[in-house]
């Protein structure tokens, strides 16, 4: 049985609402319902009484709560105990654009700076990273949007200016390719340049947007000002757009290696963006 099923059970028991539990766990309501159904099949008993306007625990559900809490606490205790092994494992996740802005180089430097740490790195969207932090399956996450989660400390560690770059034979903002750096940047671009709403392509991926532009005869897009883009020229269009990088770490982790890595990455990213 997946231990996350017990976490889902506790969330439903706490909220008494499948929809609210799904929102808190960054899951779909159908996923929450499926987990509860599998849990009920595992224990061969109903855990909730599903009325039209309310959800109540059955006697079996009430009886399961202390065991579920105990198992979750024991697993967390085991994870913390294993953190004291000589080789420390850290899991880092980033959104694609946060990674390509600067973290690709920084994480390589972390591996050289901390040879005693085994580092795992994955890419994901903000919804996935939020769920993984909530479930404590990752230690920290880098995003271009702030994550608002309980027991997670979010801080801005960098701010990188963006400017319009284009193919040399393009007219101003002709064949615009929109890269969604963040919701705030998108809103500001559309407000200041309404014609950009009719972009030729809209993508959340820096690589896809730049690749599309490089393969076209004309076009422009918004890119980090300090980057090097062969075949593109910076347009003389006044703008004040900046993409921010946020570091999201589980609060009160008390893990020395994680604290050291966070400090190293914070200083490195700040140096790059300054």
C-alpha atoms as a PDB file:
ATOM      1  CA  UNK A   1       0.000   0.000   0.000  1.00  0.00           C
ATOM      2  CA  UNK A   2       1.252   3.476  -0.890  1.00  0.00           C
ATOM      3  CA  UNK A   3       1.825   5.534   2.267  1.00  0.00           C
ATOM      4  CA  UNK A   4       0.433   8.572   0.428  1.00  0.00           C
ATOM      5  CA  UNK A   5      -2.982   6.944   0.622  1.00  0.00           C
ATOM      6  CA  UNK A   6      -2.875   7.423   4.405  1.00  0.00           C
ATOM      7  CA  UNK A   7      -1.906  11.094   3.973  1.00  0.00           C
ATOM      8  CA  UNK A   8      -4.885  11.505   1.657  1.00  0.00           C
ATOM      9  CA  UNK A   9      -7.152   9.787   4.175  1.00  0.00           C
ATOM     10  CA  UNK A  10      -5.999  12.131   6.950  1.00  0.00           C
ATOM     11  CA  UNK A  11      -6.578  15.185   4.741  1.00  0.00           C
ATOM     12  CA  UNK A  12     -10.139  14.086   3.890  1.00  0.00           C
ATOM     13  CA  UNK A  13     -10.784  13.284   7.550  1.00  0.00           C
ATOM     14  CA  UNK A  14      -9.551  16.760   8.488  1.00  0.00           C
ATOM     15  CA  UNK A  15     -11.453  18.731   5.829  1.00  0.00           C
ATOM     16  CA  UNK A  16     -14.501  16.439   5.569  1.00  0.00           C
ATOM     17  CA  UNK A  17     -14.548  17.401   1.891  1.00  0.00           C
ATOM     18  CA  UNK A  18     -13.033  15.604  -1.096  1.00  0.00           C
ATOM     19  CA  UNK A  19     -12.694  18.798  -3.135  1.00  0.00           C
ATOM     20  CA  UNK A  20     -10.918  20.730  -0.367  1.00  0.00           C
ATOM     21  CA  UNK A  21      -8.636  17.781   0.328  1.00  0.00           C
ATOM     22  CA  UNK A  22      -7.770  17.619  -3.370  1.00  0.00           C
ATOM     23  CA  UNK A  23      -6.894  21.338  -3.430  1.00  0.00           C
ATOM     24  CA  UNK A  24      -4.702  21.013  -0.330  1.00  0.00           C
ATOM     25  CA  UNK A  25      -2.875  18.001  -1.768  1.00  0.00           C
ATOM     26  CA  UNK A  26      -2.593  19.457  -5.287  1.00  0.00           C
ATOM     27  CA  UNK A  27      -4.490  16.480  -6.692  1.00  0.00           C
ATOM     28  CA  UNK A  28      -7.657  16.091  -8.702  1.00  0.00           C
ATOM     29  CA  UNK A  29     -10.812  15.183  -6.818  1.00  0.00           C
ATOM     30  CA  UNK A  30     -11.030  11.944  -8.785  1.00  0.00           C
ATOM     31  CA  UNK A  31      -7.490  11.041  -7.656  1.00  0.00           C
ATOM     32  CA  UNK A  32      -8.440  11.611  -4.018  1.00  0.00           C
ATOM     33  CA  UNK A  33     -11.601   9.514  -4.434  1.00  0.00           C
ATOM     34  CA  UNK A  34      -9.590   6.732  -6.084  1.00  0.00           C
ATOM     35  CA  UNK A  35      -7.049   6.670  -3.246  1.00  0.00           C
ATOM     36  CA  UNK A  36      -9.790   6.457  -0.610  1.00  0.00           C
ATOM     37  CA  UNK A  37     -11.516   3.688  -2.555  1.00  0.00           C
ATOM     38  CA  UNK A  38      -8.289   1.672  -2.754  1.00  0.00           C
ATOM     39  CA  UNK A  39      -7.685   2.242   0.954  1.00  0.00           C
ATOM     40  CA  UNK A  40     -11.187   1.003   1.768  1.00  0.00           C
ATOM     41  CA  UNK A  41     -10.594  -2.058  -0.414  1.00  0.00           C
ATOM     42  CA  UNK A  42      -7.291  -2.702   1.377  1.00  0.00           C
ATOM     43  CA  UNK A  43      -8.932  -2.630   4.826  1.00  0.00           C
ATOM     44  CA  UNK A  44     -12.120  -4.232   3.451  1.00  0.00           C
ATOM     45  CA  UNK A  45     -14.310  -1.658   5.190  1.00  0.00           C
ATOM     46  CA  UNK A  46     -15.904   1.722   4.559  1.00  0.00           C
ATOM     47  CA  UNK A  47     -13.984   4.654   6.047  1.00  0.00           C
ATOM     48  CA  UNK A  48     -16.402   7.464   5.192  1.00  0.00           C
ATOM     49  CA  UNK A  49     -20.167   7.901   5.037  1.00  0.00           C
ATOM     50  CA  UNK A  50     -20.801   9.940   1.906  1.00  0.00           C
ATOM     51  CA  UNK A  51     -23.947  12.018   2.321  1.00  0.00           C
ATOM     52  CA  UNK A  52     -25.099  14.525  -0.266  1.00  0.00           C
ATOM     53  CA  UNK A  53     -23.940  17.594   1.657  1.00  0.00           C
ATOM     54  CA  UNK A  54     -21.433  16.146   4.104  1.00  0.00           C
ATOM     55  CA  UNK A  55     -18.833  13.456   4.662  1.00  0.00           C
ATOM     56  CA  UNK A  56     -18.581  11.667   7.997  1.00  0.00           C
ATOM     57  CA  UNK A  57     -16.118   9.127   9.331  1.00  0.00           C
ATOM     58  CA  UNK A  58     -17.335   5.614   9.974  1.00  0.00           C
ATOM     59  CA  UNK A  59     -16.327   3.945  13.256  1.00  0.00           C
ATOM     60  CA  UNK A  60     -13.591   2.166  11.282  1.00  0.00           C
ATOM     61  CA  UNK A  61     -12.424   5.498   9.900  1.00  0.00           C
ATOM     62  CA  UNK A  62     -12.254   6.977  13.392  1.00  0.00           C
ATOM     63  CA  UNK A  63     -10.248   3.961  14.527  1.00  0.00           C
ATOM     64  CA  UNK A  64      -7.783   4.312  11.632  1.00  0.00           C
ATOM     65  CA  UNK A  65      -6.863   7.964  12.357  1.00  0.00           C
ATOM     66  CA  UNK A  66      -4.341   7.370  15.192  1.00  0.00           C
ATOM     67  CA  UNK A  67      -2.670   4.544  13.243  1.00  0.00           C
ATOM     68  CA  UNK A  68      -2.404   6.703  10.123  1.00  0.00           C
ATOM     69  CA  UNK A  69      -0.893   9.560  12.132  1.00  0.00           C
ATOM     70  CA  UNK A  70       1.544   7.194  13.849  1.00  0.00           C
ATOM     71  CA  UNK A  71       2.684   5.641  10.573  1.00  0.00           C
ATOM     72  CA  UNK A  72       3.196   9.067   8.966  1.00  0.00           C
ATOM     73  CA  UNK A  73       5.170  10.295  11.977  1.00  0.00           C
ATOM     74  CA  UNK A  74       7.328   7.140  12.023  1.00  0.00           C
ATOM     75  CA  UNK A  75       8.155   7.497   8.336  1.00  0.00           C
ATOM     76  CA  UNK A  76       9.174  11.125   8.848  1.00  0.00           C
ATOM     77  CA  UNK A  77      11.295  10.055  11.830  1.00  0.00           C
ATOM     78  CA  UNK A  78      12.947   7.362   9.705  1.00  0.00           C
ATOM     79  CA  UNK A  79      13.680   9.861   6.932  1.00  0.00           C
ATOM     80  CA  UNK A  80      15.292  12.259   9.407  1.00  0.00           C
ATOM     81  CA  UNK A  81      17.370   9.420  10.893  1.00  0.00           C
ATOM     82  CA  UNK A  82      18.608   8.356   7.471  1.00  0.00           C
ATOM     83  CA  UNK A  83      19.616  11.948   6.768  1.00  0.00           C
ATOM     84  CA  UNK A  84      22.470  11.494   9.218  1.00  0.00           C
ATOM     85  CA  UNK A  85      24.181   8.859   7.070  1.00  0.00           C
ATOM     86  CA  UNK A  86      27.642   9.683   5.748  1.00  0.00           C
ATOM     87  CA  UNK A  87      26.276  10.167   2.221  1.00  0.00           C
ATOM     88  CA  UNK A  88      23.414  12.661   2.260  1.00  0.00           C
ATOM     89  CA  UNK A  89      20.730  12.518  -0.401  1.00  0.00           C
ATOM     90  CA  UNK A  90      19.062  15.781  -1.443  1.00  0.00           C
ATOM     91  CA  UNK A  91      16.227  16.103  -3.920  1.00  0.00           C
ATOM     92  CA  UNK A  92      15.930  19.339  -5.910  1.00  0.00           C
ATOM     93  CA  UNK A  93      13.159  20.134  -8.375  1.00  0.00           C
ATOM     94  CA  UNK A  94      12.754  23.167 -10.621  1.00  0.00           C
ATOM     95  CA  UNK A  95      10.350  24.495 -13.181  1.00  0.00           C
ATOM     96  CA  UNK A  96      11.932  24.359 -16.676  1.00  0.00           C
ATOM     97  CA  UNK A  97      12.429  28.117 -17.068  1.00  0.00           C
ATOM     98  CA  UNK A  98      13.937  28.517 -13.599  1.00  0.00           C
ATOM     99  CA  UNK A  99      16.398  25.770 -14.511  1.00  0.00           C
ATOM    100  CA  UNK A 100      17.433  27.218 -17.861  1.00  0.00           C
ATOM    101  CA  UNK A 101      17.799  30.749 -16.503  1.00  0.00           C
ATOM    102  CA  UNK A 102      20.808  29.834 -14.356  1.00  0.00           C
ATOM    103  CA  UNK A 103      20.337  26.668 -12.323  1.00  0.00           C
ATOM    104  CA  UNK A 104      21.750  24.318 -14.953  1.00  0.00           C
ATOM    105  CA  UNK A 105      25.235  25.696 -14.237  1.00  0.00           C
ATOM    106  CA  UNK A 106      24.660  26.202 -10.514  1.00  0.00           C
ATOM    107  CA  UNK A 107      23.638  22.600  -9.864  1.00  0.00           C
ATOM    108  CA  UNK A 108      26.806  21.364 -11.572  1.00  0.00           C
ATOM    109  CA  UNK A 109      28.779  23.591  -9.219  1.00  0.00           C
ATOM    110  CA  UNK A 110      26.880  22.147  -6.241  1.00  0.00           C
ATOM    111  CA  UNK A 111      27.974  18.645  -7.245  1.00  0.00           C
ATOM    112  CA  UNK A 112      31.638  19.765  -7.263  1.00  0.00           C
ATOM    113  CA  UNK A 113      31.329  21.839  -4.083  1.00  0.00           C
ATOM    114  CA  UNK A 114      29.609  19.103  -2.042  1.00  0.00           C
ATOM    115  CA  UNK A 115      31.031  15.716  -3.144  1.00  0.00           C
ATOM    116  CA  UNK A 116      29.605  14.067  -0.012  1.00  0.00           C
ATOM    117  CA  UNK A 117      26.045  14.839  -1.168  1.00  0.00           C
ATOM    118  CA  UNK A 118      24.111  12.732  -3.658  1.00  0.00           C
ATOM    119  CA  UNK A 119      21.967  15.210  -5.575  1.00  0.00           C
ATOM    120  CA  UNK A 120      18.814  14.304  -7.472  1.00  0.00           C
ATOM    121  CA  UNK A 121      17.345  16.911  -9.838  1.00  0.00           C
ATOM    122  CA  UNK A 122      13.998  16.819 -11.644  1.00  0.00           C
ATOM    123  CA  UNK A 123      11.884  19.199 -13.705  1.00  0.00           C
ATOM    124  CA  UNK A 124       8.180  19.798 -13.139  1.00  0.00           C
ATOM    125  CA  UNK A 125       5.421  22.374 -13.190  1.00  0.00           C
ATOM    126  CA  UNK A 126       4.428  24.419 -10.138  1.00  0.00           C
ATOM    127  CA  UNK A 127       1.497  22.122  -9.312  1.00  0.00           C
ATOM    128  CA  UNK A 128       3.717  19.048  -9.197  1.00  0.00           C
ATOM    129  CA  UNK A 129       6.437  20.805  -7.177  1.00  0.00           C
ATOM    130  CA  UNK A 130       3.858  22.086  -4.695  1.00  0.00           C
ATOM    131  CA  UNK A 131       2.509  18.581  -4.165  1.00  0.00           C
ATOM    132  CA  UNK A 132       5.998  17.110  -3.793  1.00  0.00           C
ATOM    133  CA  UNK A 133       6.951  19.708  -1.179  1.00  0.00           C
ATOM    134  CA  UNK A 134       3.674  19.116   0.641  1.00  0.00           C
ATOM    135  CA  UNK A 135       4.395  15.375   0.702  1.00  0.00           C
ATOM    136  CA  UNK A 136       8.077  16.016   1.571  1.00  0.00           C
ATOM    137  CA  UNK A 137       9.299  13.938  -1.361  1.00  0.00           C
ATOM    138  CA  UNK A 138      11.640  16.791  -2.368  1.00  0.00           C
ATOM    139  CA  UNK A 139      13.784  19.029  -0.169  1.00  0.00           C
ATOM    140  CA  UNK A 140      13.588  22.241  -2.180  1.00  0.00           C
ATOM    141  CA  UNK A 141      12.144  23.669  -5.364  1.00  0.00           C
ATOM    142  CA  UNK A 142      12.995  26.560  -7.671  1.00  0.00           C
ATOM    143  CA  UNK A 143      10.193  28.362  -9.474  1.00  0.00           C
ATOM    144  CA  UNK A 144       9.423  31.600 -11.295  1.00  0.00           C
ATOM    145  CA  UNK A 145       6.183  31.885  -9.308  1.00  0.00           C
ATOM    146  CA  UNK A 146       6.035  32.070  -5.494  1.00  0.00           C
ATOM    147  CA  UNK A 147       4.546  28.954  -3.889  1.00  0.00           C
ATOM    148  CA  UNK A 148       2.132  29.636  -1.037  1.00  0.00           C
ATOM    149  CA  UNK A 149       2.290  26.517   1.107  1.00  0.00           C
ATOM    150  CA  UNK A 150       2.127  25.823   4.817  1.00  0.00           C
ATOM    151  CA  UNK A 151       5.448  24.706   6.329  1.00  0.00           C
ATOM    152  CA  UNK A 152       7.350  25.882   3.247  1.00  0.00           C
ATOM    153  CA  UNK A 153       9.565  28.958   3.280  1.00  0.00           C
ATOM    154  CA  UNK A 154       9.555  30.850  -0.032  1.00  0.00           C
ATOM    155  CA  UNK A 155      12.089  33.579  -0.783  1.00  0.00           C
ATOM    156  CA  UNK A 156      13.062  35.519  -3.884  1.00  0.00           C
ATOM    157  CA  UNK A 157      16.721  34.897  -4.652  1.00  0.00           C
ATOM    158  CA  UNK A 158      17.135  36.561  -8.044  1.00  0.00           C
ATOM    159  CA  UNK A 159      15.550  39.010 -10.449  1.00  0.00           C
ATOM    160  CA  UNK A 160      16.608  38.877 -14.086  1.00  0.00           C
ATOM    161  CA  UNK A 161      15.724  41.661 -16.596  1.00  0.00           C
ATOM    162  CA  UNK A 162      14.076  40.657 -19.859  1.00  0.00           C
ATOM    163  CA  UNK A 163      14.317  42.412 -23.232  1.00  0.00           C
ATOM    164  CA  UNK A 164      12.898  41.872 -26.713  1.00  0.00           C
ATOM    165  CA  UNK A 165      15.166  39.999 -29.159  1.00  0.00           C
ATOM    166  CA  UNK A 166      14.341  39.446 -32.828  1.00  0.00           C
ATOM    167  CA  UNK A 167      15.534  38.153 -36.162  1.00  0.00           C
ATOM    168  CA  UNK A 168      17.444  40.946 -37.976  1.00  0.00           C
ATOM    169  CA  UNK A 169      14.902  41.320 -40.799  1.00  0.00           C
ATOM    170  CA  UNK A 170      11.842  41.543 -38.518  1.00  0.00           C
ATOM    171  CA  UNK A 171       9.659  44.569 -37.958  1.00  0.00           C
ATOM    172  CA  UNK A 172       8.983  45.703 -34.386  1.00  0.00           C
ATOM    173  CA  UNK A 173       7.184  42.887 -32.497  1.00  0.00           C
ATOM    174  CA  UNK A 174       6.449  41.129 -35.796  1.00  0.00           C
ATOM    175  CA  UNK A 175       5.623  37.399 -35.528  1.00  0.00           C
ATOM    176  CA  UNK A 176       5.854  37.548 -31.729  1.00  0.00           C
ATOM    177  CA  UNK A 177       6.602  34.304 -29.847  1.00  0.00           C
ATOM    178  CA  UNK A 178       5.367  34.488 -26.270  1.00  0.00           C
ATOM    179  CA  UNK A 179       7.353  32.669 -23.560  1.00  0.00           C
ATOM    180  CA  UNK A 180       5.390  32.531 -20.302  1.00  0.00           C
ATOM    181  CA  UNK A 181       8.097  33.478 -17.808  1.00  0.00           C
ATOM    182  CA  UNK A 182       5.546  34.152 -15.052  1.00  0.00           C
ATOM    183  CA  UNK A 183       1.947  35.291 -14.694  1.00  0.00           C
ATOM    184  CA  UNK A 184       3.109  38.757 -13.652  1.00  0.00           C
ATOM    185  CA  UNK A 185       5.407  39.171 -16.661  1.00  0.00           C
ATOM    186  CA  UNK A 186       2.669  37.963 -19.018  1.00  0.00           C
ATOM    187  CA  UNK A 187       0.137  40.405 -17.576  1.00  0.00           C
ATOM    188  CA  UNK A 188       2.598  43.302 -17.873  1.00  0.00           C
ATOM    189  CA  UNK A 189       3.528  42.429 -21.457  1.00  0.00           C
ATOM    190  CA  UNK A 190      -0.100  42.198 -22.562  1.00  0.00           C
ATOM    191  CA  UNK A 191      -0.948  45.444 -20.789  1.00  0.00           C
ATOM    192  CA  UNK A 192       1.942  47.419 -22.292  1.00  0.00           C
ATOM    193  CA  UNK A 193       1.890  45.720 -25.709  1.00  0.00           C
ATOM    194  CA  UNK A 194      -1.690  44.511 -26.408  1.00  0.00           C
ATOM    195  CA  UNK A 195      -0.683  43.239 -29.866  1.00  0.00           C
ATOM    196  CA  UNK A 196       1.362  40.522 -28.155  1.00  0.00           C
ATOM    197  CA  UNK A 197      -1.877  38.774 -27.183  1.00  0.00           C
ATOM    198  CA  UNK A 198      -2.039  37.572 -30.788  1.00  0.00           C
ATOM    199  CA  UNK A 199       1.313  35.799 -30.547  1.00  0.00           C
ATOM    200  CA  UNK A 200       2.260  33.325 -33.251  1.00  0.00           C
ATOM    201  CA  UNK A 201       3.153  30.834 -30.544  1.00  0.00           C
ATOM    202  CA  UNK A 202       2.603  30.721 -26.785  1.00  0.00           C
ATOM    203  CA  UNK A 203       4.667  28.350 -24.681  1.00  0.00           C
ATOM    204  CA  UNK A 204       5.790  27.878 -21.079  1.00  0.00           C
ATOM    205  CA  UNK A 205       9.165  26.552 -22.283  1.00  0.00           C
ATOM    206  CA  UNK A 206      12.147  28.801 -22.928  1.00  0.00           C
ATOM    207  CA  UNK A 207      13.718  26.143 -25.145  1.00  0.00           C
ATOM    208  CA  UNK A 208      10.616  25.701 -27.299  1.00  0.00           C
ATOM    209  CA  UNK A 209      10.151  29.448 -27.724  1.00  0.00           C
ATOM    210  CA  UNK A 210      13.786  30.094 -28.631  1.00  0.00           C
ATOM    211  CA  UNK A 211      13.877  27.065 -30.911  1.00  0.00           C
ATOM    212  CA  UNK A 212      10.784  28.244 -32.769  1.00  0.00           C
ATOM    213  CA  UNK A 213      12.296  31.700 -33.222  1.00  0.00           C
ATOM    214  CA  UNK A 214      15.646  30.339 -34.439  1.00  0.00           C
ATOM    215  CA  UNK A 215      13.933  28.157 -37.048  1.00  0.00           C
ATOM    216  CA  UNK A 216      11.911  31.064 -38.486  1.00  0.00           C
ATOM    217  CA  UNK A 217      12.867  33.794 -40.901  1.00  0.00           C
ATOM    218  CA  UNK A 218      11.135  36.477 -38.843  1.00  0.00           C
ATOM    219  CA  UNK A 219       9.961  36.909 -35.308  1.00  0.00           C
ATOM    220  CA  UNK A 220      10.795  38.195 -31.830  1.00  0.00           C
ATOM    221  CA  UNK A 221      10.451  37.121 -28.229  1.00  0.00           C
ATOM    222  CA  UNK A 222      11.262  38.201 -24.678  1.00  0.00           C
ATOM    223  CA  UNK A 223      14.564  36.811 -23.330  1.00  0.00           C
ATOM    224  CA  UNK A 224      16.979  37.453 -20.440  1.00  0.00           C
ATOM    225  CA  UNK A 225      18.924  40.613 -21.309  1.00  0.00           C
ATOM    226  CA  UNK A 226      22.376  39.235 -20.451  1.00  0.00           C
ATOM    227  CA  UNK A 227      22.069  36.067 -22.520  1.00  0.00           C
ATOM    228  CA  UNK A 228      23.890  35.327 -25.769  1.00  0.00           C
ATOM    229  CA  UNK A 229      21.609  34.581 -28.717  1.00  0.00           C
ATOM    230  CA  UNK A 230      23.451  34.070 -32.040  1.00  0.00           C
ATOM    231  CA  UNK A 231      21.382  35.236 -34.978  1.00  0.00           C
ATOM    232  CA  UNK A 232      19.208  37.537 -32.888  1.00  0.00           C
ATOM    233  CA  UNK A 233      19.445  41.261 -32.190  1.00  0.00           C
ATOM    234  CA  UNK A 234      18.171  43.185 -29.181  1.00  0.00           C
ATOM    235  CA  UNK A 235      15.337  45.533 -30.060  1.00  0.00           C
ATOM    236  CA  UNK A 236      15.413  49.137 -28.894  1.00  0.00           C
ATOM    237  CA  UNK A 237      12.008  48.908 -27.216  1.00  0.00           C
ATOM    238  CA  UNK A 238      11.768  50.488 -23.755  1.00  0.00           C
ATOM    239  CA  UNK A 239      10.370  47.959 -21.283  1.00  0.00           C
ATOM    240  CA  UNK A 240      10.695  47.023 -17.650  1.00  0.00           C
ATOM    241  CA  UNK A 241      10.036  43.290 -17.423  1.00  0.00           C
ATOM    242  CA  UNK A 242      11.845  41.106 -14.903  1.00  0.00           C
ATOM    243  CA  UNK A 243      11.547  37.402 -14.161  1.00  0.00           C
ATOM    244  CA  UNK A 244      12.077  36.369 -10.554  1.00  0.00           C
ATOM    245  CA  UNK A 245      13.475  33.114  -9.233  1.00  0.00           C
ATOM    246  CA  UNK A 246      12.051  31.792  -5.972  1.00  0.00           C
ATOM    247  CA  UNK A 247      13.590  29.233  -3.646  1.00  0.00           C
ATOM    248  CA  UNK A 248      11.083  27.061  -1.767  1.00  0.00           C
ATOM    249  CA  UNK A 249      12.394  24.991   1.163  1.00  0.00           C
ATOM    250  CA  UNK A 250      10.651  22.950   3.851  1.00  0.00           C
ATOM    251  CA  UNK A 251      10.669  24.946   7.098  1.00  0.00           C
ATOM    252  CA  UNK A 252      12.531  23.811  10.214  1.00  0.00           C
ATOM    253  CA  UNK A 253      14.366  21.015   8.398  1.00  0.00           C
ATOM    254  CA  UNK A 254      17.474  21.292  10.636  1.00  0.00           C
ATOM    255  CA  UNK A 255      19.554  19.428   8.063  1.00  0.00           C
ATOM    256  CA  UNK A 256      23.050  20.912   7.974  1.00  0.00           C
ATOM    257  CA  UNK A 257      23.815  19.764   4.427  1.00  0.00           C
ATOM    258  CA  UNK A 258      20.578  21.211   3.077  1.00  0.00           C
ATOM    259  CA  UNK A 259      21.189  24.529   4.843  1.00  0.00           C
ATOM    260  CA  UNK A 260      24.707  24.682   3.360  1.00  0.00           C
ATOM    261  CA  UNK A 261      23.495  23.884  -0.161  1.00  0.00           C
ATOM    262  CA  UNK A 262      20.698  26.450   0.057  1.00  0.00           C
ATOM    263  CA  UNK A 263      23.179  29.119   1.145  1.00  0.00           C
ATOM    264  CA  UNK A 264      25.581  28.194  -1.670  1.00  0.00           C
ATOM    265  CA  UNK A 265      22.861  28.253  -4.339  1.00  0.00           C
ATOM    266  CA  UNK A 266      21.400  31.511  -3.025  1.00  0.00           C
ATOM    267  CA  UNK A 267      24.772  33.249  -3.223  1.00  0.00           C
ATOM    268  CA  UNK A 268      25.544  31.770  -6.652  1.00  0.00           C
ATOM    269  CA  UNK A 269      22.222  32.726  -8.240  1.00  0.00           C
ATOM    270  CA  UNK A 270      22.388  36.202  -6.708  1.00  0.00           C
ATOM    271  CA  UNK A 271      25.875  36.695  -8.138  1.00  0.00           C
ATOM    272  CA  UNK A 272      24.706  35.692 -11.622  1.00  0.00           C
ATOM    273  CA  UNK A 273      21.667  37.985 -11.602  1.00  0.00           C
ATOM    274  CA  UNK A 274      23.457  41.026 -10.102  1.00  0.00           C
END
